[in-house]
């Protein structure tokens, strides 16, 4: 997520510089900076939206911890954890 945030900040900085350049009369450089900054902001937004958390089912045994299952689907992980809890309660 830090990479997407840095890209957004860089893009916003370049956009601001492009606006200043464009308004002071450097039309070519200003237009290029606006285009480049806009592309950087758009790319940062796309990267930020595509990132998802990875959820893990962690089991603790006498031998230590085991990462039994990984998924990006939180509902699936919650269903697995609920099924494990139900099985533990049913066993007693």
PDB file of N, CA and C in Angstrom:
ATOM      1  N   UNK A   1       0.809  -1.187   0.000  1.00  0.00           N
ATOM      2  CA  UNK A   1       0.000   0.000   0.000  1.00  0.00           C
ATOM      3  C   UNK A   1       0.855   1.255   0.000  1.00  0.00           C
ATOM      4  N   UNK A   2       2.039   1.169   0.559  1.00  0.00           N
ATOM      5  CA  UNK A   2       2.917   2.338   0.607  1.00  0.00           C
ATOM      6  C   UNK A   2       3.319   2.771  -0.792  1.00  0.00           C
ATOM      7  N   UNK A   3       3.540   1.810  -1.685  1.00  0.00           N
ATOM      8  CA  UNK A   3       3.919   2.138  -3.053  1.00  0.00           C
ATOM      9  C   UNK A   3       2.830   2.914  -3.768  1.00  0.00           C
ATOM     10  N   UNK A   4       1.575   2.515  -3.550  1.00  0.00           N
ATOM     11  CA  UNK A   4       0.459   3.213  -4.182  1.00  0.00           C
ATOM     12  C   UNK A   4       0.328   4.627  -3.619  1.00  0.00           C
ATOM     13  N   UNK A   5       0.527   4.779  -2.318  1.00  0.00           N
ATOM     14  CA  UNK A   5       0.453   6.103  -1.703  1.00  0.00           C
ATOM     15  C   UNK A   5       1.550   7.022  -2.199  1.00  0.00           C
ATOM     16  N   UNK A   6       2.754   6.483  -2.344  1.00  0.00           N
ATOM     17  CA  UNK A   6       3.872   7.282  -2.864  1.00  0.00           C
ATOM     18  C   UNK A   6       3.606   7.705  -4.298  1.00  0.00           C
ATOM     19  N   UNK A   7       3.049   6.796  -5.091  1.00  0.00           N
ATOM     20  CA  UNK A   7       2.742   7.106  -6.486  1.00  0.00           C
ATOM     21  C   UNK A   7       1.666   8.180  -6.568  1.00  0.00           C
ATOM     22  N   UNK A   8       0.672   8.095  -5.701  1.00  0.00           N
ATOM     23  CA  UNK A   8      -0.369   9.131  -5.672  1.00  0.00           C
ATOM     24  C   UNK A   8       0.210  10.490  -5.287  1.00  0.00           C
ATOM     25  N   UNK A   9       1.071  10.501  -4.274  1.00  0.00           N
ATOM     26  CA  UNK A   9       1.678  11.765  -3.840  1.00  0.00           C
ATOM     27  C   UNK A   9       2.565  12.344  -4.948  1.00  0.00           C
ATOM     28  N   UNK A  10       3.358  11.490  -5.587  1.00  0.00           N
ATOM     29  CA  UNK A  10       4.214  11.946  -6.685  1.00  0.00           C
ATOM     30  C   UNK A  10       3.375  12.508  -7.827  1.00  0.00           C
ATOM     31  N   UNK A  11       2.311  11.776  -8.176  1.00  0.00           N
ATOM     32  CA  UNK A  11       1.433  12.232  -9.260  1.00  0.00           C
ATOM     33  C   UNK A  11       0.781  13.566  -8.944  1.00  0.00           C
ATOM     34  N   UNK A  12       0.340  13.735  -7.689  1.00  0.00           N
ATOM     35  CA  UNK A  12      -0.274  15.002  -7.296  1.00  0.00           C
ATOM     36  C   UNK A  12       0.735  16.143  -7.352  1.00  0.00           C
ATOM     37  N   UNK A  13       1.972  15.863  -6.935  1.00  0.00           N
ATOM     38  CA  UNK A  13       3.037  16.873  -6.995  1.00  0.00           C
ATOM     39  C   UNK A  13       3.319  17.282  -8.446  1.00  0.00           C
ATOM     40  N   UNK A  14       3.400  16.300  -9.330  1.00  0.00           N
ATOM     41  CA  UNK A  14       3.660  16.593 -10.746  1.00  0.00           C
ATOM     42  C   UNK A  14       2.480  17.343 -11.354  1.00  0.00           C
ATOM     43  N   UNK A  15       1.243  16.950 -10.970  1.00  0.00           N
ATOM     44  CA  UNK A  15       0.068  17.674 -11.460  1.00  0.00           C
ATOM     45  C   UNK A  15       0.107  19.138 -11.028  1.00  0.00           C
ATOM     46  N   UNK A  16       0.458  19.370  -9.778  1.00  0.00           N
ATOM     47  CA  UNK A  16       0.555  20.738  -9.277  1.00  0.00           C
ATOM     48  C   UNK A  16       1.619  21.523 -10.040  1.00  0.00           C
ATOM     49  N   UNK A  17       2.773  20.897 -10.261  1.00  0.00           N
ATOM     50  CA  UNK A  17       3.819  21.550 -11.048  1.00  0.00           C
ATOM     51  C   UNK A  17       3.372  21.827 -12.469  1.00  0.00           C
ATOM     52  N   UNK A  18       2.611  20.911 -13.043  1.00  0.00           N
ATOM     53  CA  UNK A  18       2.084  21.120 -14.387  1.00  0.00           C
ATOM     54  C   UNK A  18       1.118  22.281 -14.458  1.00  0.00           C
ATOM     55  N   UNK A  19       0.288  22.400 -13.430  1.00  0.00           N
ATOM     56  CA  UNK A  19      -0.638  23.535 -13.397  1.00  0.00           C
ATOM     57  C   UNK A  19       0.108  24.859 -13.301  1.00  0.00           C
ATOM     58  N   UNK A  20       1.135  24.889 -12.457  1.00  0.00           N
ATOM     59  CA  UNK A  20       1.930  26.113 -12.316  1.00  0.00           C
ATOM     60  C   UNK A  20       2.634  26.438 -13.632  1.00  0.00           C
ATOM     61  N   UNK A  21       3.264  25.438 -14.248  1.00  0.00           N
ATOM     62  CA  UNK A  21       3.962  25.658 -15.521  1.00  0.00           C
ATOM     63  C   UNK A  21       2.998  26.105 -16.608  1.00  0.00           C
ATOM     64  N   UNK A  22       1.842  25.473 -16.653  1.00  0.00           N
ATOM     65  CA  UNK A  22       0.857  25.800 -17.678  1.00  0.00           C
ATOM     66  C   UNK A  22       0.337  27.224 -17.503  1.00  0.00           C
ATOM     67  N   UNK A  23       0.136  27.634 -16.245  1.00  0.00           N
ATOM     68  CA  UNK A  23      -0.405  28.971 -16.011  1.00  0.00           C
ATOM     69  C   UNK A  23       0.635  30.073 -16.193  1.00  0.00           C
ATOM     70  N   UNK A  24       1.924  29.739 -16.108  1.00  0.00           N
ATOM     71  CA  UNK A  24       2.958  30.760 -16.275  1.00  0.00           C
ATOM     72  C   UNK A  24       3.407  30.908 -17.720  1.00  0.00           C
ATOM     73  N   UNK A  25       2.857  30.105 -18.606  1.00  0.00           N
ATOM     74  CA  UNK A  25       3.167  30.291 -20.017  1.00  0.00           C
ATOM     75  C   UNK A  25       3.939  29.159 -20.656  1.00  0.00           C
ATOM     76  N   UNK A  26       4.453  28.220 -19.900  1.00  0.00           N
ATOM     77  CA  UNK A  26       5.176  27.079 -20.473  1.00  0.00           C
ATOM     78  C   UNK A  26       4.156  26.008 -20.838  1.00  0.00           C
ATOM     79  N   UNK A  27       3.451  26.249 -21.942  1.00  0.00           N
ATOM     80  CA  UNK A  27       2.323  25.387 -22.323  1.00  0.00           C
ATOM     81  C   UNK A  27       2.753  23.948 -22.616  1.00  0.00           C
ATOM     82  N   UNK A  28       3.852  23.754 -23.323  1.00  0.00           N
ATOM     83  CA  UNK A  28       4.287  22.407 -23.686  1.00  0.00           C
ATOM     84  C   UNK A  28       4.700  21.595 -22.474  1.00  0.00           C
ATOM     85  N   UNK A  29       5.554  22.169 -21.629  1.00  0.00           N
ATOM     86  CA  UNK A  29       6.015  21.474 -20.425  1.00  0.00           C
ATOM     87  C   UNK A  29       4.865  21.285 -19.450  1.00  0.00           C
ATOM     88  N   UNK A  30       3.998  22.286 -19.337  1.00  0.00           N
ATOM     89  CA  UNK A  30       2.847  22.181 -18.441  1.00  0.00           C
ATOM     90  C   UNK A  30       1.894  21.084 -18.863  1.00  0.00           C
ATOM     91  N   UNK A  31       1.633  20.998 -20.180  1.00  0.00           N
ATOM     92  CA  UNK A  31       0.737  19.960 -20.694  1.00  0.00           C
ATOM     93  C   UNK A  31       1.336  18.578 -20.463  1.00  0.00           C
ATOM     94  N   UNK A  32       2.650  18.433 -20.688  1.00  0.00           N
ATOM     95  CA  UNK A  32       3.312  17.151 -20.461  1.00  0.00           C
ATOM     96  C   UNK A  32       3.241  16.759 -18.988  1.00  0.00           C
ATOM     97  N   UNK A  33       3.486  17.716 -18.090  1.00  0.00           N
ATOM     98  CA  UNK A  33       3.442  17.447 -16.654  1.00  0.00           C
ATOM     99  C   UNK A  33       2.027  17.081 -16.215  1.00  0.00           C
ATOM    100  N   UNK A  34       1.035  17.763 -16.754  1.00  0.00           N
ATOM    101  CA  UNK A  34      -0.347  17.427 -16.434  1.00  0.00           C
ATOM    102  C   UNK A  34      -0.695  16.014 -16.885  1.00  0.00           C
ATOM    103  N   UNK A  35      -0.277  15.665 -18.084  1.00  0.00           N
ATOM    104  CA  UNK A  35      -0.543  14.330 -18.615  1.00  0.00           C
ATOM    105  C   UNK A  35       0.182  13.261 -17.799  1.00  0.00           C
ATOM    106  N   UNK A  36       1.458  13.479 -17.519  1.00  0.00           N
ATOM    107  CA  UNK A  36       2.260  12.521 -16.766  1.00  0.00           C
ATOM    108  C   UNK A  36       1.756  12.401 -15.329  1.00  0.00           C
ATOM    109  N   UNK A  37       1.448  13.519 -14.690  1.00  0.00           N
ATOM    110  CA  UNK A  37       0.934  13.506 -13.318  1.00  0.00           C
ATOM    111  C   UNK A  37      -0.418  12.825 -13.227  1.00  0.00           C
ATOM    112  N   UNK A  38      -1.267  13.093 -14.209  1.00  0.00           N
ATOM    113  CA  UNK A  38      -2.580  12.440 -14.239  1.00  0.00           C
ATOM    114  C   UNK A  38      -2.463  10.935 -14.399  1.00  0.00           C
ATOM    115  N   UNK A  39      -1.527  10.505 -15.251  1.00  0.00           N
ATOM    116  CA  UNK A  39      -1.307   9.070 -15.438  1.00  0.00           C
ATOM    117  C   UNK A  39      -0.774   8.433 -14.157  1.00  0.00           C
ATOM    118  N   UNK A  40       0.120   9.127 -13.452  1.00  0.00           N
ATOM    119  CA  UNK A  40       0.673   8.592 -12.198  1.00  0.00           C
ATOM    120  C   UNK A  40      -0.416   8.480 -11.142  1.00  0.00           C
ATOM    121  N   UNK A  41      -1.284   9.468 -11.046  1.00  0.00           N
ATOM    122  CA  UNK A  41      -2.387   9.418 -10.082  1.00  0.00           C
ATOM    123  C   UNK A  41      -3.340   8.274 -10.431  1.00  0.00           C
ATOM    124  N   UNK A  42      -3.685   8.147 -11.707  1.00  0.00           N
ATOM    125  CA  UNK A  42      -4.585   7.072 -12.130  1.00  0.00           C
ATOM    126  C   UNK A  42      -3.979   5.698 -11.836  1.00  0.00           C
ATOM    127  N   UNK A  43      -2.699   5.532 -12.111  1.00  0.00           N
ATOM    128  CA  UNK A  43      -2.024   4.263 -11.834  1.00  0.00           C
ATOM    129  C   UNK A  43      -1.992   3.983 -10.338  1.00  0.00           C
ATOM    130  N   UNK A  44      -1.727   4.995  -9.526  1.00  0.00           N
ATOM    131  CA  UNK A  44      -1.730   4.830  -8.072  1.00  0.00           C
ATOM    132  C   UNK A  44      -3.088   4.405  -7.547  1.00  0.00           C
ATOM    133  N   UNK A  45      -4.140   4.984  -8.093  1.00  0.00           N
ATOM    134  CA  UNK A  45      -5.499   4.616  -7.686  1.00  0.00           C
ATOM    135  C   UNK A  45      -5.797   3.169  -8.077  1.00  0.00           C
ATOM    136  N   UNK A  46      -5.413   2.772  -9.285  1.00  0.00           N
ATOM    137  CA  UNK A  46      -5.649   1.392  -9.723  1.00  0.00           C
ATOM    138  C   UNK A  46      -4.893   0.395  -8.853  1.00  0.00           C
ATOM    139  N   UNK A  47      -3.655   0.716  -8.508  1.00  0.00           N
ATOM    140  CA  UNK A  47      -2.867  -0.178  -7.658  1.00  0.00           C
ATOM    141  C   UNK A  47      -3.501  -0.277  -6.272  1.00  0.00           C
ATOM    142  N   UNK A  48      -3.899   0.850  -5.711  1.00  0.00           N
ATOM    143  CA  UNK A  48      -4.496   0.851  -4.375  1.00  0.00           C
ATOM    144  C   UNK A  48      -5.798   0.053  -4.341  1.00  0.00           C
ATOM    145  N   UNK A  49      -6.593   0.143  -5.390  1.00  0.00           N
ATOM    146  CA  UNK A  49      -7.861  -0.583  -5.433  1.00  0.00           C
ATOM    147  C   UNK A  49      -7.666  -2.070  -5.644  1.00  0.00           C
ATOM    148  N   UNK A  50      -6.545  -2.472  -6.263  1.00  0.00           N
ATOM    149  CA  UNK A  50      -6.328  -3.892  -6.550  1.00  0.00           C
ATOM    150  C   UNK A  50      -5.737  -4.654  -5.364  1.00  0.00           C
ATOM    151  N   UNK A  51      -5.209  -3.931  -4.377  1.00  0.00           N
ATOM    152  CA  UNK A  51      -4.606  -4.590  -3.220  1.00  0.00           C
ATOM    153  C   UNK A  51      -5.688  -5.132  -2.302  1.00  0.00           C
ATOM    154  N   UNK A  52      -5.492  -6.354  -1.826  1.00  0.00           N
ATOM    155  CA  UNK A  52      -6.425  -6.970  -0.896  1.00  0.00           C
ATOM    156  C   UNK A  52      -5.644  -7.602   0.239  1.00  0.00           C
ATOM    157  N   UNK A  53      -6.293  -7.688   1.379  1.00  0.00           N
ATOM    158  CA  UNK A  53      -5.690  -8.359   2.525  1.00  0.00           C
ATOM    159  C   UNK A  53      -5.680  -9.867   2.294  1.00  0.00           C
ATOM    160  N   UNK A  54      -4.698 -10.536   2.865  1.00  0.00           N
ATOM    161  CA  UNK A  54      -4.674 -11.988   2.872  1.00  0.00           C
ATOM    162  C   UNK A  54      -5.028 -12.435   4.279  1.00  0.00           C
ATOM    163  N   UNK A  55      -6.058 -13.261   4.382  1.00  0.00           N
ATOM    164  CA  UNK A  55      -6.522 -13.768   5.666  1.00  0.00           C
ATOM    165  C   UNK A  55      -5.936 -15.156   5.883  1.00  0.00           C
ATOM    166  N   UNK A  56      -5.568 -15.447   7.136  1.00  0.00           N
ATOM    167  CA  UNK A  56      -4.877 -16.697   7.459  1.00  0.00           C
ATOM    168  C   UNK A  56      -5.580 -17.380   8.628  1.00  0.00           C
ATOM    169  N   UNK A  57      -5.763 -18.705   8.514  1.00  0.00           N
ATOM    170  CA  UNK A  57      -6.213 -19.512   9.642  1.00  0.00           C
ATOM    171  C   UNK A  57      -4.951 -20.041  10.314  1.00  0.00           C
ATOM    172  N   UNK A  58      -4.747 -19.625  11.549  1.00  0.00           N
ATOM    173  CA  UNK A  58      -3.552 -19.987  12.306  1.00  0.00           C
ATOM    174  C   UNK A  58      -3.943 -20.972  13.393  1.00  0.00           C
ATOM    175  N   UNK A  59      -3.349 -22.157  13.361  1.00  0.00           N
ATOM    176  CA  UNK A  59      -3.632 -23.186  14.362  1.00  0.00           C
ATOM    177  C   UNK A  59      -2.448 -23.303  15.307  1.00  0.00           C
ATOM    178  N   UNK A  60      -2.746 -23.321  16.595  1.00  0.00           N
ATOM    179  CA  UNK A  60      -1.701 -23.511  17.598  1.00  0.00           C
ATOM    180  C   UNK A  60      -1.802 -24.933  18.130  1.00  0.00           C
ATOM    181  N   UNK A  61      -0.705 -25.656  18.045  1.00  0.00           N
ATOM    182  CA  UNK A  61      -0.640 -27.015  18.546  1.00  0.00           C
ATOM    183  C   UNK A  61       0.504 -27.114  19.544  1.00  0.00           C
ATOM    184  N   UNK A  62       0.694 -28.307  20.080  1.00  0.00           N
ATOM    185  CA  UNK A  62       1.806 -28.503  21.014  1.00  0.00           C
ATOM    186  C   UNK A  62       3.149 -28.373  20.298  1.00  0.00           C
ATOM    187  N   UNK A  63       3.150 -28.535  18.989  1.00  0.00           N
ATOM    188  CA  UNK A  63       4.383 -28.405  18.202  1.00  0.00           C
ATOM    189  C   UNK A  63       4.634 -26.979  17.721  1.00  0.00           C
ATOM    190  N   UNK A  64       3.718 -26.065  18.002  1.00  0.00           N
ATOM    191  CA  UNK A  64       3.887 -24.683  17.573  1.00  0.00           C
ATOM    192  C   UNK A  64       2.713 -24.207  16.737  1.00  0.00           C
ATOM    193  N   UNK A  65       2.922 -23.130  16.012  1.00  0.00           N
ATOM    194  CA  UNK A  65       1.875 -22.537  15.181  1.00  0.00           C
ATOM    195  C   UNK A  65       2.004 -23.019  13.740  1.00  0.00           C
ATOM    196  N   UNK A  66       0.844 -23.237  13.119  1.00  0.00           N
ATOM    197  CA  UNK A  66       0.795 -23.673  11.720  1.00  0.00           C
ATOM    198  C   UNK A  66      -0.174 -22.765  10.975  1.00  0.00           C
ATOM    199  N   UNK A  67       0.282 -22.211   9.866  1.00  0.00           N
ATOM    200  CA  UNK A  67      -0.605 -21.437   8.998  1.00  0.00           C
ATOM    201  C   UNK A  67      -1.320 -22.437   8.099  1.00  0.00           C
ATOM    202  N   UNK A  68      -2.528 -22.822   8.518  1.00  0.00           N
ATOM    203  CA  UNK A  68      -3.240 -23.916   7.867  1.00  0.00           C
ATOM    204  C   UNK A  68      -3.884 -23.515   6.551  1.00  0.00           C
ATOM    205  N   UNK A  69      -4.317 -22.263   6.432  1.00  0.00           N
ATOM    206  CA  UNK A  69      -5.062 -21.849   5.244  1.00  0.00           C
ATOM    207  C   UNK A  69      -4.876 -20.361   5.022  1.00  0.00           C
ATOM    208  N   UNK A  70      -4.711 -19.980   3.755  1.00  0.00           N
ATOM    209  CA  UNK A  70      -4.620 -18.568   3.362  1.00  0.00           C
ATOM    210  C   UNK A  70      -5.612 -18.303   2.246  1.00  0.00           C
ATOM    211  N   UNK A  71      -6.258 -17.152   2.307  1.00  0.00           N
ATOM    212  CA  UNK A  71      -7.192 -16.767   1.257  1.00  0.00           C
ATOM    213  C   UNK A  71      -7.405 -15.259   1.310  1.00  0.00           C
ATOM    214  N   UNK A  72      -7.807 -14.686   0.193  1.00  0.00           N
ATOM    215  CA  UNK A  72      -8.158 -13.274   0.136  1.00  0.00           C
ATOM    216  C   UNK A  72      -9.653 -13.074   0.387  1.00  0.00           C
ATOM    217  N   UNK A  73     -10.388 -14.180   0.507  1.00  0.00           N
ATOM    218  CA  UNK A  73     -11.830 -14.145   0.731  1.00  0.00           C
ATOM    219  C   UNK A  73     -12.116 -14.244   2.226  1.00  0.00           C
ATOM    220  N   UNK A  74     -12.491 -13.135   2.847  1.00  0.00           N
ATOM    221  CA  UNK A  74     -12.702 -13.116   4.303  1.00  0.00           C
ATOM    222  C   UNK A  74     -13.897 -13.967   4.717  1.00  0.00           C
ATOM    223  N   UNK A  75     -14.934 -14.019   3.888  1.00  0.00           N
ATOM    224  CA  UNK A  75     -16.106 -14.830   4.234  1.00  0.00           C
ATOM    225  C   UNK A  75     -15.748 -16.314   4.285  1.00  0.00           C
ATOM    226  N   UNK A  76     -14.935 -16.762   3.367  1.00  0.00           N
ATOM    227  CA  UNK A  76     -14.498 -18.159   3.354  1.00  0.00           C
ATOM    228  C   UNK A  76     -13.696 -18.484   4.611  1.00  0.00           C
ATOM    229  N   UNK A  77     -12.763 -17.619   4.962  1.00  0.00           N
ATOM    230  CA  UNK A  77     -11.942 -17.828   6.162  1.00  0.00           C
ATOM    231  C   UNK A  77     -12.827 -17.829   7.406  1.00  0.00           C
ATOM    232  N   UNK A  78     -13.784 -16.907   7.482  1.00  0.00           N
ATOM    233  CA  UNK A  78     -14.701 -16.880   8.625  1.00  0.00           C
ATOM    234  C   UNK A  78     -15.515 -18.162   8.722  1.00  0.00           C
ATOM    235  N   UNK A  79     -15.950 -18.706   7.587  1.00  0.00           N
ATOM    236  CA  UNK A  79     -16.709 -19.960   7.587  1.00  0.00           C
ATOM    237  C   UNK A  79     -15.842 -21.118   8.075  1.00  0.00           C
ATOM    238  N   UNK A  80     -14.581 -21.158   7.664  1.00  0.00           N
ATOM    239  CA  UNK A  80     -13.666 -22.215   8.108  1.00  0.00           C
ATOM    240  C   UNK A  80     -13.413 -22.099   9.608  1.00  0.00           C
ATOM    241  N   UNK A  81     -13.181 -20.895  10.093  1.00  0.00           N
ATOM    242  CA  UNK A  81     -12.941 -20.691  11.529  1.00  0.00           C
ATOM    243  C   UNK A  81     -14.176 -21.088  12.330  1.00  0.00           C
ATOM    244  N   UNK A  82     -15.361 -20.729  11.843  1.00  0.00           N
ATOM    245  CA  UNK A  82     -16.602 -21.100  12.540  1.00  0.00           C
ATOM    246  C   UNK A  82     -16.762 -22.619  12.561  1.00  0.00           C
ATOM    247  N   UNK A  83     -16.462 -23.290  11.456  1.00  0.00           N
ATOM    248  CA  UNK A  83     -16.562 -24.747  11.412  1.00  0.00           C
ATOM    249  C   UNK A  83     -15.554 -25.391  12.374  1.00  0.00           C
ATOM    250  N   UNK A  84     -14.352 -24.859  12.449  1.00  0.00           N
ATOM    251  CA  UNK A  84     -13.361 -25.379  13.404  1.00  0.00           C
ATOM    252  C   UNK A  84     -13.846 -25.183  14.839  1.00  0.00           C
ATOM    253  N   UNK A  85     -14.365 -24.009  15.145  1.00  0.00           N
ATOM    254  CA  UNK A  85     -14.883 -23.746  16.494  1.00  0.00           C
ATOM    255  C   UNK A  85     -16.045 -24.678  16.851  1.00  0.00           C
ATOM    256  N   UNK A  86     -16.949 -24.889  15.883  1.00  0.00           N
ATOM    257  CA  UNK A  86     -18.068 -25.793  16.120  1.00  0.00           C
ATOM    258  C   UNK A  86     -17.589 -27.215  16.365  1.00  0.00           C
ATOM    259  N   UNK A  87     -16.590 -27.655  15.626  1.00  0.00           N
ATOM    260  CA  UNK A  87     -16.049 -29.011  15.794  1.00  0.00           C
ATOM    261  C   UNK A  87     -15.391 -29.158  17.164  1.00  0.00           C
ATOM    262  N   UNK A  88     -14.687 -28.117  17.610  1.00  0.00           N
ATOM    263  CA  UNK A  88     -14.051 -28.177  18.937  1.00  0.00           C
ATOM    264  C   UNK A  88     -15.095 -28.239  20.037  1.00  0.00           C
ATOM    265  N   UNK A  89     -16.168 -27.442  19.907  1.00  0.00           N
ATOM    266  CA  UNK A  89     -17.230 -27.437  20.910  1.00  0.00           C
ATOM    267  C   UNK A  89     -17.974 -28.778  20.916  1.00  0.00           C
ATOM    268  N   UNK A  90     -18.230 -29.332  19.737  1.00  0.00           N
ATOM    269  CA  UNK A  90     -18.966 -30.603  19.638  1.00  0.00           C
ATOM    270  C   UNK A  90     -18.157 -31.753  20.236  1.00  0.00           C
ATOM    271  N   UNK A  91     -16.863 -31.695  20.120  1.00  0.00           N
ATOM    272  CA  UNK A  91     -16.012 -32.758  20.666  1.00  0.00           C
ATOM    273  C   UNK A  91     -15.952 -32.686  22.183  1.00  0.00           C
ATOM    274  N   UNK A  92     -16.000 -31.458  22.692  1.00  0.00           N
ATOM    275  CA  UNK A  92     -16.020 -31.289  24.145  1.00  0.00           C
ATOM    276  C   UNK A  92     -14.745 -31.138  24.787  1.00  0.00           C
TER     277      UNK A  92
END
